[in-house]
Structure formats: structure tokens, C-alpha cells
Amino acid sequence: MTRAVDAVDTVDERVPVRRLAPLAAQHVLAMIAAPVSTVFLVGGTLRLAPAATASLLSAVLLMCGAGTLLQSLGLWRFGGRLPFVMLPGGAATALFLQIAEEHGAPTAVGSVLLAAALLLAVLPLYARVVRLFPPLVMGVTVLLIGIAMIRVAARLVTGPDGTGEPRAVLLAALTVAATCGAYVLLRGVWRQTSVLIGMAAGTGLAALTGLGGFAPPVLLPYGSPRFDLLAALPLLVFALTTLAEITGQTVLNSETVGRAPDPGRDVPRVARADALVSLAGGLFGTSLMVTSAENIGIGRLSGVRSRFVTAGAGVLLVALGLAAPVSRLLAGIPAPVVGGSSLVVYAVIAVMGVEMLRRAELGGTDAGTGAGRGTLVAALALAAGLLPLLVPELYAGFPAPARAVLGSGVVAGTLTAVLLTALPGLRPVARAGKVREAPGHGLSSAEHGDRLRGRV
């Protein structure tokens, strides 16, 4: 079912420069908080020097711009030619930091490269792989990632020893309050930048001085990447789950701009661009880059659906990445401010997981169990995923391969959900008269399957 959209401009409409510039700036303002907060979360967690943080920010903005251009304009079989923007994945960043803390930053970089390569490798099998991650599995995965990320963000406030100074906790709390205040009081694009506004307010309250120097993007900033398949397992699993989210976002964006959704054609193109930019970004120290549908609201608001507007946003992002004063200014944001804003961002990720579970068909109550099949699957998967987060030493005595799987909450929970949903006795059954949603957004599972068959 294709939803008709009365667009002022079509997706291929060429917008005059005098209109394109402010429209492109709107898209940048709507998404800039994500790369900024992500970079400073990485910089704070890995204890990078201000110059190294500025260099990383420059690299991330350049990758965001290059990825946005690639998705908007397309090049051969890379890029969906839809008005997308590209961001560093918040959930992927959480896993990147988890690997970096446990195995070192070079291994985390190697994991990014392996995950991007895996994403490229499985695309010929896209229709089969995406069925492993129905909404129930995706909800468990996203919820566990959000919880893991909150713990990482909290360490920026408390410090590595877990003991927070009152001033740092107060600064983080004020940053959260400023973020919430901006979200409640502001409207439109400014409301979408509430996280960035909160960071600016927190930095002002900290009366920061001595911003440090600037360094351009550095190739292999953590040294030569190390490749460890077991250590990379969390990001490898996550790379596969992104196919479900890419499907939902591509369908939503296509419908919004008035193009008939064709996941079999467009999703592999979008995923190839994600993987290609992630491979390039990994060499500059970034985590996986992902295409985002955040900017779709701007298109709806302005009535302009042209992909050349987001291409203009890509050009602006590249310019920001090359602007030394911007990176130098942002590199000195205090860790508690980053931690406070990150708590908001990644708590939202956890809530998104809850929402996905709510939309999933958990099934009615089964006789003798007191719970629906989907409810039981979600409960067991969450238990498997939360145990290593709540009791980090639970699997300390196990062999290294087992620790790599069971010790990662995201991997353990996701694999448990995948395996349980594959069992006939526990597979959730849709209720009569109700159509189950497809991964990511409102495409029904029946439509999803029809559009996939024979199109890869």
C-alpha cells in the first residue's frame, strides 16, 4: 500500500540556490546535535586530548557530509537517491566504546571495519537476513543498547571510578534541565536542536576557558586496527540488525516524498552507502555511520522533498568539518555536560526500544504460562541481556569465546531473541484481524515480504 503525498516539490526537483541554502541549513540544524554529542562522548570516554577530540569531530562531520551527499545524489549502486542525512549511530557508538574499553581502541576500529564489510557481504541475502530481526527482536536489541549507553554516559559524569563530585553531578543535571526546557519551550527546528542547546547552556554555566588546539582529521588516530572476530561480535550483530531499520526508514522516506517504496531496489543501495562511509570513517576513528530519517520532519514542515536540499546540507557539513575554529571551539566542552546531554539522547534510545516492543505482536495470554509467547521471548531475551550489565563478573570463569558472546548484553539478548523467535513453540503469532508492523516503521509484514521477493 503506497500512501499518496501532496509534495510541493518532487524528490528530483532542482531547487534554486536562493531557496536551497536556507532549507539545507535547516537540515543541518536539525541533525548537528547527534554528531557533536557523539564525538564528545567518545572523546570523554577514551580520555582524548582536546586536539584529538577536535580532529575526531572534524572527521565525523566530513563523513556525515560525504554520506549525506552519497545518499542524496547516488553513485552507481551506492546511495538511495532520497533526501536522507547520515549520522554516527548512537547505538553503534555505545558498542564501539564497549569494545574500546574492554579490548582497546585499535580493536574497536577493527570491529567497525569488520562490521561494515559484513554489511556489504550480506546484502545479496538481504531478504533472508532481514527476517531474522522482526520488531520483537529489534525492540529487545534497541532497549539493551540504550541501557548500555546510559551506563557509559553516566561515567562521563562520575569519572571512571564511579564516584561523582557534587559539582559535576549538578552541572550534568543543569544540562539535562536546559535540554528539557528547550524541548518544551521551543518549536520547529529549534526544538529539534534542544540537545545542542542544552550542551551550549551547560558549557556556559561551566564558564569554560582554554579550549585547546585544533588538528585536522588524522588517519588511524588510534594506531593500526586490530581484527578480533569475538571482540567485534557486538558490532557484527548490530550491523545485521540495521538492515531492518534501514528498511523501515527507506519505506517511510519514499512514501513521504511520493515515490513508490521499493525496498528490494533501494534498501541495498542505502545500506551500501552506509557501509562504504563506515569503512572510510573507521580509518579516521569513527564508529559505524548510519542513514537517519530524523530530517523527514523538516521536509514535511517545509513542503520541499527534493534530495538536492539534503545534498546542500551535505556540502554544509563538509564545510563545517573543514572549519578549524568550529572544531576547536566545540572540543573543550566539559565531560559532565557531554554526559548530561548524552543521558537524554541515549535514554531516548532505550524508550525507542520500549516503543518497538509495544508495537510488536507479543501475543495473548497462553494457558498455563500466564504470558503471551512474545512476552516470554522478550522477557527471556532481556534477562539474558541485562545479566552481564548488572553482574559484570558473572561469566568471568568462562572461556574467552563464551565471555565474548555471553558477556555482551546486546549480543546475548539479541541472539537469545533470534533463537527463541525461530522456535515454532515460541514464535509470536499475530492476532486475528491485526496486521503486525514491519521492522522500523508502519509497513505490514505481508507487504514487506511481497516487496522483498524477487527484487534482490
Protein backbone atom coordinates (compact mmCIF):
# COMPACT_ATOMS: atom_id res chain seq x y z
CA MET A 1 0.00 0.00 0.00
CA THR A 2 1.53 3.31 -1.09
CA ARG A 3 0.44 6.44 0.72
CA ALA A 4 -0.15 9.43 -1.56
CA VAL A 5 1.82 12.54 -0.65
CA ASP A 6 0.96 16.02 -1.89
CA ALA A 7 4.51 17.31 -2.17
CA VAL A 8 5.23 20.90 -3.23
CA ASP A 9 8.41 19.65 -4.92
CA THR A 10 9.20 16.13 -6.04
CA VAL A 11 12.24 14.20 -4.85
CA ASP A 12 14.12 15.05 -8.06
CA GLU A 13 13.16 18.72 -8.18
CA ARG A 14 16.15 21.06 -8.55
CA VAL A 15 15.69 23.88 -6.05
CA PRO A 16 17.13 27.35 -6.84
CA VAL A 17 20.19 28.24 -4.77
CA ARG A 18 18.45 31.16 -3.05
CA ARG A 19 15.91 28.71 -1.62
CA LEU A 20 18.24 25.75 -1.28
CA ALA A 21 20.70 27.41 1.12
CA PRO A 22 18.29 28.17 4.00
CA LEU A 23 16.48 24.86 3.52
CA ALA A 24 19.78 22.98 3.67
CA ALA A 25 20.77 24.92 6.80
CA GLN A 26 17.52 23.76 8.45
CA HIS A 27 18.50 20.13 7.90
CA VAL A 28 21.96 20.74 9.37
CA LEU A 29 20.49 22.42 12.45
CA ALA A 30 18.09 19.51 12.91
CA MET A 31 20.84 16.87 12.95
CA ILE A 32 24.00 18.61 14.19
CA ALA A 33 23.46 17.69 17.84
CA ALA A 34 23.93 13.97 17.11
CA PRO A 35 27.50 14.11 15.71
CA VAL A 36 28.60 16.71 18.26
CA SER A 37 27.31 14.83 21.31
CA THR A 38 28.57 11.50 19.95
CA VAL A 39 32.10 12.81 19.38
CA PHE A 40 32.38 14.27 22.84
CA LEU A 41 31.02 11.11 24.39
CA VAL A 42 33.80 9.20 22.60
CA GLY A 43 36.39 11.83 23.49
CA GLY A 44 35.40 11.83 27.14
CA THR A 45 35.16 8.06 27.48
CA LEU A 46 38.51 7.42 25.75
CA ARG A 47 40.07 10.43 27.53
CA LEU A 48 41.21 12.04 24.30
CA ALA A 49 43.10 15.32 24.36
CA PRO A 50 41.13 18.40 23.18
CA ALA A 51 43.11 18.47 19.91
CA ALA A 52 42.32 14.79 19.27
CA THR A 53 38.64 15.38 20.05
CA ALA A 54 38.58 18.31 17.63
CA SER A 55 40.21 16.13 14.98
CA LEU A 56 37.63 13.40 15.54
CA LEU A 57 34.78 15.93 15.28
CA SER A 58 36.18 17.20 12.00
CA ALA A 59 36.36 13.64 10.67
CA VAL A 60 32.80 12.83 11.78
CA LEU A 61 31.36 15.98 10.21
CA LEU A 62 33.21 15.22 6.97
CA MET A 63 31.83 11.66 6.97
CA CYS A 64 28.31 12.96 7.72
CA GLY A 65 28.59 15.37 4.80
CA ALA A 66 30.05 12.80 2.40
CA GLY A 67 27.43 10.22 3.39
CA THR A 68 24.58 12.72 3.04
CA LEU A 69 25.81 13.64 -0.44
CA LEU A 70 26.13 9.98 -1.42
CA GLN A 71 22.64 9.06 -0.18
CA SER A 72 21.05 12.15 -1.76
CA LEU A 73 22.75 12.08 -5.17
CA GLY A 74 23.69 8.41 -5.52
CA LEU A 75 26.71 6.98 -7.28
CA TRP A 76 26.33 3.78 -9.28
CA ARG A 77 24.72 1.28 -6.83
CA PHE A 78 25.58 3.33 -3.73
CA GLY A 79 23.02 5.70 -2.24
CA GLY A 80 19.22 5.62 -2.28
CA ARG A 81 18.81 8.99 -4.09
CA LEU A 82 16.41 10.04 -1.36
CA PRO A 83 16.55 13.09 0.96
CA PHE A 84 18.50 11.34 3.73
CA VAL A 85 21.18 12.63 6.07
CA MET A 86 23.90 10.48 7.60
CA LEU A 87 24.92 10.46 11.26
CA PRO A 88 27.18 8.48 13.58
CA GLY A 89 24.95 5.77 15.02
CA GLY A 90 24.24 6.31 18.72
CA ALA A 91 23.76 2.60 19.39
CA ALA A 92 26.81 1.75 17.29
CA THR A 93 28.82 4.28 19.31
CA ALA A 94 27.81 2.54 22.51
CA LEU A 95 29.10 -0.76 21.19
CA PHE A 96 32.26 0.90 19.81
CA LEU A 97 33.02 2.30 23.26
CA GLN A 98 32.25 -1.01 24.95
CA ILE A 99 34.76 -2.77 22.70
CA ALA A 100 37.31 0.04 23.15
CA GLU A 101 37.08 -0.17 26.95
CA GLU A 102 37.37 -3.96 27.01
CA HIS A 103 39.84 -4.59 24.18
CA GLY A 104 41.36 -1.22 23.26
CA ALA A 105 40.58 1.45 20.65
CA PRO A 106 42.51 -0.30 17.80
CA THR A 107 40.31 -3.38 18.25
CA ALA A 108 37.20 -1.16 18.24
CA VAL A 109 38.33 0.37 14.93
CA GLY A 110 38.96 -3.11 13.51
CA SER A 111 35.46 -4.09 14.64
CA VAL A 112 33.96 -1.15 12.74
CA LEU A 113 35.77 -2.21 9.58
CA LEU A 114 34.64 -5.83 10.00
CA ALA A 115 31.03 -4.80 10.64
CA ALA A 116 30.94 -2.53 7.57
CA ALA A 117 32.45 -5.31 5.45
CA LEU A 118 29.87 -7.78 6.79
CA LEU A 119 27.05 -5.41 5.89
CA LEU A 120 28.31 -5.25 2.31
CA ALA A 121 28.75 -9.03 2.18
CA VAL A 122 25.22 -9.95 3.31
CA LEU A 123 23.34 -7.58 1.02
CA PRO A 124 22.83 -10.26 -1.66
CA LEU A 125 20.99 -12.20 1.06
CA TYR A 126 19.10 -9.12 2.29
CA ALA A 127 15.60 -10.57 2.02
CA ARG A 128 16.56 -13.57 4.17
CA VAL A 129 18.67 -11.77 6.75
CA VAL A 130 16.14 -9.04 7.49
CA ARG A 131 13.54 -11.66 8.50
CA LEU A 132 15.75 -12.68 11.45
CA PHE A 133 15.03 -9.31 13.07
CA PRO A 134 11.27 -8.75 13.42
CA PRO A 135 10.03 -5.88 15.62
CA LEU A 136 10.26 -8.04 18.76
CA VAL A 137 13.97 -8.74 18.25
CA MET A 138 14.69 -5.15 17.25
CA GLY A 139 12.90 -3.85 20.33
CA VAL A 140 14.99 -6.04 22.64
CA THR A 141 18.19 -5.00 20.86
CA VAL A 142 17.50 -1.27 20.94
CA LEU A 143 16.40 -1.36 24.59
CA LEU A 144 19.57 -3.17 25.65
CA ILE A 145 21.74 -0.78 23.64
CA GLY A 146 20.05 2.20 25.28
CA ILE A 147 20.62 0.80 28.76
CA ALA A 148 24.27 0.04 28.00
CA MET A 149 24.71 3.56 26.62
CA ILE A 150 23.23 5.18 29.71
CA ARG A 151 25.86 3.44 31.82
CA VAL A 152 28.63 4.74 29.54
CA ALA A 153 27.24 8.28 29.60
CA ALA A 154 26.96 8.21 33.40
CA ARG A 155 30.69 7.51 33.66
CA LEU A 156 31.36 10.84 32.00
CA VAL A 157 29.62 12.49 34.93
CA THR A 158 31.06 10.35 37.71
CA GLY A 159 34.50 9.67 36.28
CA PRO A 160 36.00 6.20 35.73
CA ASP A 161 35.87 5.34 39.44
CA GLY A 162 32.11 5.80 39.58
CA THR A 163 32.23 8.43 42.33
CA GLY A 164 30.75 11.71 41.16
CA GLU A 165 31.70 15.08 42.58
CA PRO A 166 28.64 17.15 43.54
CA ARG A 167 29.68 19.94 41.15
CA ALA A 168 29.91 17.53 38.21
CA VAL A 169 26.55 15.94 39.01
CA LEU A 170 24.96 19.39 39.37
CA LEU A 171 26.42 20.51 36.03
CA ALA A 172 25.06 17.39 34.32
CA ALA A 173 21.65 17.93 35.94
CA LEU A 174 21.56 21.55 34.76
CA THR A 175 22.46 20.40 31.26
CA VAL A 176 19.57 17.93 31.32
CA ALA A 177 17.24 20.67 32.63
CA ALA A 178 18.32 23.08 29.88
CA THR A 179 17.78 20.38 27.26
CA CYS A 180 14.28 19.60 28.57
CA GLY A 181 13.46 23.31 28.83
CA ALA A 182 14.48 23.91 25.22
CA TYR A 183 12.42 20.94 24.08
CA VAL A 184 9.31 22.13 25.96
CA LEU A 185 9.54 25.87 25.19
CA LEU A 186 10.87 25.93 21.63
CA ARG A 187 9.25 24.87 18.39
CA GLY A 188 10.25 23.70 14.92
CA VAL A 189 13.93 23.39 14.06
CA TRP A 190 15.00 24.93 17.37
CA ARG A 191 13.14 22.26 19.27
CA GLN A 192 14.96 19.60 17.26
CA THR A 193 18.28 21.12 18.37
CA SER A 194 17.37 21.01 22.07
CA VAL A 195 20.28 18.66 22.85
CA LEU A 196 22.75 21.06 21.25
CA ILE A 197 21.16 23.99 23.07
CA GLY A 198 21.45 22.07 26.35
CA MET A 199 25.14 21.45 25.72
CA ALA A 200 25.68 25.13 24.96
CA ALA A 201 23.88 26.13 28.15
CA GLY A 202 25.86 23.65 30.23
CA THR A 203 29.11 24.86 28.75
CA GLY A 204 28.17 28.46 29.51
CA LEU A 205 27.35 27.54 33.08
CA ALA A 206 30.73 25.90 33.42
CA ALA A 207 32.40 29.16 32.36
CA LEU A 208 34.84 27.16 30.26
CA THR A 209 38.24 28.65 29.35
CA GLY A 210 41.28 27.26 27.50
CA LEU A 211 39.69 25.44 24.59
CA GLY A 212 42.83 23.68 23.31
CA GLY A 213 44.14 23.39 19.77
CA PHE A 214 42.84 22.00 16.53
CA ALA A 215 44.11 19.11 14.49
CA PRO A 216 42.76 18.11 11.06
CA PRO A 217 41.35 14.59 10.59
CA VAL A 218 44.06 12.05 11.30
CA LEU A 219 44.27 8.70 9.51
CA LEU A 220 44.26 5.80 12.02
CA PRO A 221 44.32 8.07 15.11
CA TYR A 222 44.45 5.07 17.49
CA GLY A 223 47.14 3.22 15.55
CA SER A 224 46.79 0.27 13.21
CA PRO A 225 43.42 -1.50 13.62
CA ARG A 226 43.36 -4.93 15.24
CA PHE A 227 40.91 -7.53 14.00
CA ASP A 228 39.31 -9.80 16.60
CA LEU A 229 36.12 -11.54 15.50
CA LEU A 230 35.00 -12.37 19.03
CA ALA A 231 35.57 -8.83 20.27
CA ALA A 232 33.80 -7.48 17.18
CA LEU A 233 30.74 -9.70 17.69
CA PRO A 234 28.52 -6.95 19.23
CA LEU A 235 29.06 -4.66 16.23
CA LEU A 236 28.71 -7.54 13.77
CA VAL A 237 25.30 -8.45 15.19
CA PHE A 238 24.31 -4.78 15.23
CA ALA A 239 25.30 -4.38 11.57
CA LEU A 240 22.82 -7.13 10.67
CA THR A 241 20.04 -5.57 12.75
CA THR A 242 20.48 -2.25 10.94
CA LEU A 243 19.02 -3.83 7.80
CA ALA A 244 15.61 -3.92 9.46
CA GLU A 245 15.82 -0.26 10.48
CA ILE A 246 17.13 0.78 7.05
CA THR A 247 14.13 -0.96 5.52
CA GLY A 248 11.66 0.97 7.64
CA GLN A 249 13.38 4.32 7.12
CA THR A 250 13.67 3.84 3.35
CA VAL A 251 9.99 2.94 3.04
CA LEU A 252 8.98 5.91 5.22
CA ASN A 253 11.16 8.35 3.27
CA SER A 254 9.93 7.03 -0.09
CA GLU A 255 6.30 7.42 0.92
CA THR A 256 6.96 10.90 2.32
CA VAL A 257 8.43 12.19 -0.95
CA GLY A 258 5.77 10.50 -3.07
CA ARG A 259 7.94 7.72 -4.51
CA ALA A 260 6.53 4.19 -4.61
CA PRO A 261 8.53 2.23 -1.98
CA ASP A 262 10.75 -0.46 -3.48
CA PRO A 263 12.83 -1.96 -0.61
CA GLY A 264 14.39 -4.64 -2.81
CA ARG A 265 15.92 -1.95 -5.01
CA ASP A 266 16.52 0.93 -2.59
CA VAL A 267 17.48 -0.70 0.72
CA PRO A 268 20.65 -2.38 -0.61
CA ARG A 269 21.69 0.95 -2.15
CA VAL A 270 21.17 2.78 1.14
CA ALA A 271 22.97 0.04 3.07
CA ARG A 272 25.91 0.03 0.64
CA ALA A 273 26.39 3.75 1.17
CA ASP A 274 26.24 3.28 4.95
CA ALA A 275 28.85 0.54 4.76
CA LEU A 276 31.14 2.46 2.40
CA VAL A 277 31.15 5.61 4.55
CA SER A 278 31.61 3.48 7.68
CA LEU A 279 34.68 1.87 6.13
CA ALA A 280 36.12 5.30 5.37
CA GLY A 281 35.11 6.69 8.77
CA GLY A 282 36.62 3.75 10.61
CA LEU A 283 40.02 4.68 9.20
CA PHE A 284 39.61 8.10 10.84
CA GLY A 285 38.47 6.71 14.21
CA THR A 286 34.68 6.92 13.90
CA SER A 287 32.14 4.22 14.67
CA LEU A 288 29.54 2.96 12.19
CA MET A 289 27.79 5.72 10.23
CA VAL A 290 24.07 5.26 9.67
CA THR A 291 21.47 6.89 7.48
CA SER A 292 18.88 8.75 9.52
CA ALA A 293 15.25 9.62 8.92
CA GLU A 294 15.33 12.44 11.51
CA ASN A 295 15.24 15.08 8.79
CA ILE A 296 11.99 13.80 7.26
CA GLY A 297 10.06 16.09 9.60
CA ILE A 298 11.81 19.09 8.08
CA GLY A 299 10.68 18.01 4.64
CA ARG A 300 7.12 17.66 5.83
CA LEU A 301 7.24 21.04 7.55
CA SER A 302 8.67 22.95 4.57
CA GLY A 303 6.76 21.02 1.90
CA VAL A 304 10.03 20.55 -0.03
CA ARG A 305 11.02 16.92 -0.63
CA SER A 306 13.94 17.48 -3.01
CA ARG A 307 17.01 15.34 -2.46
CA PHE A 308 19.11 18.25 -3.67
CA VAL A 309 18.25 20.11 -0.46
CA THR A 310 19.84 17.38 1.66
CA ALA A 311 22.73 17.33 -0.81
CA GLY A 312 23.17 21.01 0.04
CA ALA A 313 23.15 20.04 3.72
CA GLY A 314 25.95 17.58 2.93
CA VAL A 315 28.02 20.39 1.44
CA LEU A 316 27.47 22.50 4.58
CA LEU A 317 28.53 19.59 6.80
CA VAL A 318 31.74 19.14 4.81
CA ALA A 319 32.41 22.88 5.19
CA LEU A 320 31.86 22.64 8.97
CA GLY A 321 34.22 19.69 9.13
CA LEU A 322 36.92 21.77 7.48
CA ALA A 323 36.29 24.84 9.66
CA ALA A 324 39.05 24.78 12.26
CA PRO A 325 37.52 27.37 14.65
CA VAL A 326 34.29 25.37 14.94
CA SER A 327 36.03 22.13 15.90
CA ARG A 328 38.40 23.94 18.26
CA LEU A 329 35.53 25.74 19.98
CA LEU A 330 33.50 22.59 20.50
CA ALA A 331 36.45 20.45 21.62
CA GLY A 332 36.54 21.95 25.10
CA ILE A 333 33.01 21.10 26.26
CA PRO A 334 33.25 19.68 29.83
CA ALA A 335 32.75 15.94 30.27
CA PRO A 336 29.79 16.35 32.72
CA VAL A 337 28.00 18.49 30.12
CA VAL A 338 28.52 15.82 27.47
CA GLY A 339 27.44 13.17 29.96
CA GLY A 340 24.27 15.07 30.87
CA SER A 341 23.22 15.62 27.26
CA SER A 342 24.15 12.04 26.35
CA LEU A 343 21.96 10.71 29.16
CA VAL A 344 19.00 12.37 27.47
CA VAL A 345 19.93 11.11 24.00
CA TYR A 346 20.53 7.52 25.00
CA ALA A 347 17.66 7.29 27.42
CA VAL A 348 15.53 8.12 24.39
CA ILE A 349 17.12 5.16 22.58
CA ALA A 350 16.03 2.90 25.44
CA VAL A 351 12.49 4.30 25.24
CA MET A 352 12.51 3.68 21.49
CA GLY A 353 13.20 0.03 22.31
CA VAL A 354 10.22 0.01 24.67
CA GLU A 355 8.06 1.55 21.92
CA MET A 356 9.20 -1.07 19.43
CA LEU A 357 8.31 -3.81 21.89
CA ARG A 358 4.93 -2.20 22.43
CA ARG A 359 4.26 -2.20 18.67
CA ALA A 360 5.45 -5.79 18.32
CA GLU A 361 2.85 -8.55 18.45
CA LEU A 362 3.58 -10.09 21.84
CA GLY A 363 0.56 -12.35 21.64
CA GLY A 364 -2.26 -13.03 24.07
CA THR A 365 -2.03 -14.94 27.32
CA ASP A 366 -1.26 -18.63 26.87
CA ALA A 367 -2.94 -21.10 29.18
CA GLY A 368 -0.61 -22.42 31.83
CA THR A 369 2.09 -19.77 31.36
CA GLY A 370 0.30 -16.55 32.24
CA ALA A 371 2.13 -14.78 29.42
CA GLY A 372 1.96 -14.48 25.65
CA ARG A 373 4.59 -16.15 23.52
CA GLY A 374 6.13 -12.84 22.50
CA THR A 375 6.10 -11.66 26.10
CA LEU A 376 8.01 -14.76 27.19
CA VAL A 377 10.56 -14.33 24.39
CA ALA A 378 11.09 -10.67 25.28
CA ALA A 379 11.40 -11.49 28.98
CA LEU A 380 13.99 -14.23 28.47
CA ALA A 381 15.96 -12.15 25.96
CA LEU A 382 16.02 -9.12 28.28
CA ALA A 383 17.12 -11.32 31.16
CA ALA A 384 19.99 -12.70 29.07
CA GLY A 385 20.95 -9.18 28.00
CA LEU A 386 20.68 -7.48 31.39
CA LEU A 387 22.59 -10.10 33.39
CA PRO A 388 26.07 -9.11 32.10
CA LEU A 389 25.20 -5.44 32.59
CA LEU A 390 24.03 -5.91 36.17
CA VAL A 391 26.56 -8.58 37.17
CA PRO A 392 29.68 -7.87 35.04
CA GLU A 393 31.71 -10.74 36.56
CA LEU A 394 29.01 -13.36 36.02
CA TYR A 395 30.89 -15.07 33.17
CA ALA A 396 34.43 -14.32 34.36
CA GLY A 397 35.26 -18.01 34.75
CA PHE A 398 34.07 -18.99 31.27
CA PRO A 399 36.39 -19.48 28.27
CA ALA A 400 37.15 -16.35 26.23
CA PRO A 401 34.80 -17.22 23.29
CA ALA A 402 31.89 -17.75 25.67
CA ARG A 403 32.68 -14.50 27.52
CA ALA A 404 32.67 -12.61 24.21
CA VAL A 405 29.12 -13.78 23.48
CA LEU A 406 27.55 -14.04 26.92
CA GLY A 407 29.41 -11.06 28.41
CA SER A 408 27.96 -8.57 25.94
CA GLY A 409 24.42 -7.71 26.93
CA VAL A 410 23.47 -6.63 23.41
CA VAL A 411 24.82 -9.78 21.76
CA ALA A 412 23.43 -12.16 24.38
CA GLY A 413 19.99 -10.56 24.37
CA THR A 414 19.73 -10.27 20.59
CA LEU A 415 20.89 -13.82 19.90
CA THR A 416 18.51 -15.15 22.56
CA ALA A 417 15.61 -13.29 20.93
CA VAL A 418 16.57 -14.51 17.43
CA LEU A 419 16.87 -18.14 18.55
CA LEU A 420 13.66 -18.12 20.57
CA THR A 421 11.58 -16.50 17.83
CA ALA A 422 12.83 -19.22 15.46
CA LEU A 423 11.35 -21.96 17.67
CA PRO A 424 7.86 -22.98 16.48
CA GLY A 425 6.55 -23.24 20.04
CA LEU A 426 7.64 -19.72 20.98
CA ARG A 427 7.24 -17.84 17.70
CA PRO A 428 4.79 -14.97 18.31
CA VAL A 429 1.54 -15.40 16.41
CA ALA A 430 -0.29 -12.36 15.07
CA ARG A 431 -3.79 -11.88 16.41
CA ALA A 432 -6.66 -12.32 14.02
CA GLY A 433 -7.65 -9.11 12.32
CA LYS A 434 -4.46 -7.32 13.27
CA VAL A 435 -1.53 -6.77 10.96
CA ARG A 436 1.90 -6.80 12.53
CA GLU A 437 4.24 -3.95 11.72
CA ALA A 438 7.45 -4.48 9.82
CA PRO A 439 10.82 -3.56 11.25
CA GLY A 440 11.33 0.12 11.84
CA HIS A 441 8.01 1.66 10.79
CA GLY A 442 4.45 1.04 9.66
CA LEU A 443 4.93 -1.35 6.75
CA SER A 444 2.98 -4.55 7.35
CA SER A 445 4.84 -7.84 7.41
CA ALA A 446 2.75 -9.09 4.47
CA GLU A 447 3.59 -6.04 2.35
CA HIS A 448 7.20 -6.26 3.46
CA GLY A 449 7.50 -9.86 2.29
CA ASP A 450 5.72 -9.15 -1.01
CA ARG A 451 8.08 -6.29 -1.79
CA LEU A 452 11.17 -8.28 -1.00
CA ARG A 453 10.53 -11.42 -3.02
CA GLY A 454 12.29 -11.46 -6.34
CA ARG A 455 13.78 -7.97 -6.04
CA VAL A 456 17.30 -8.53 -4.76
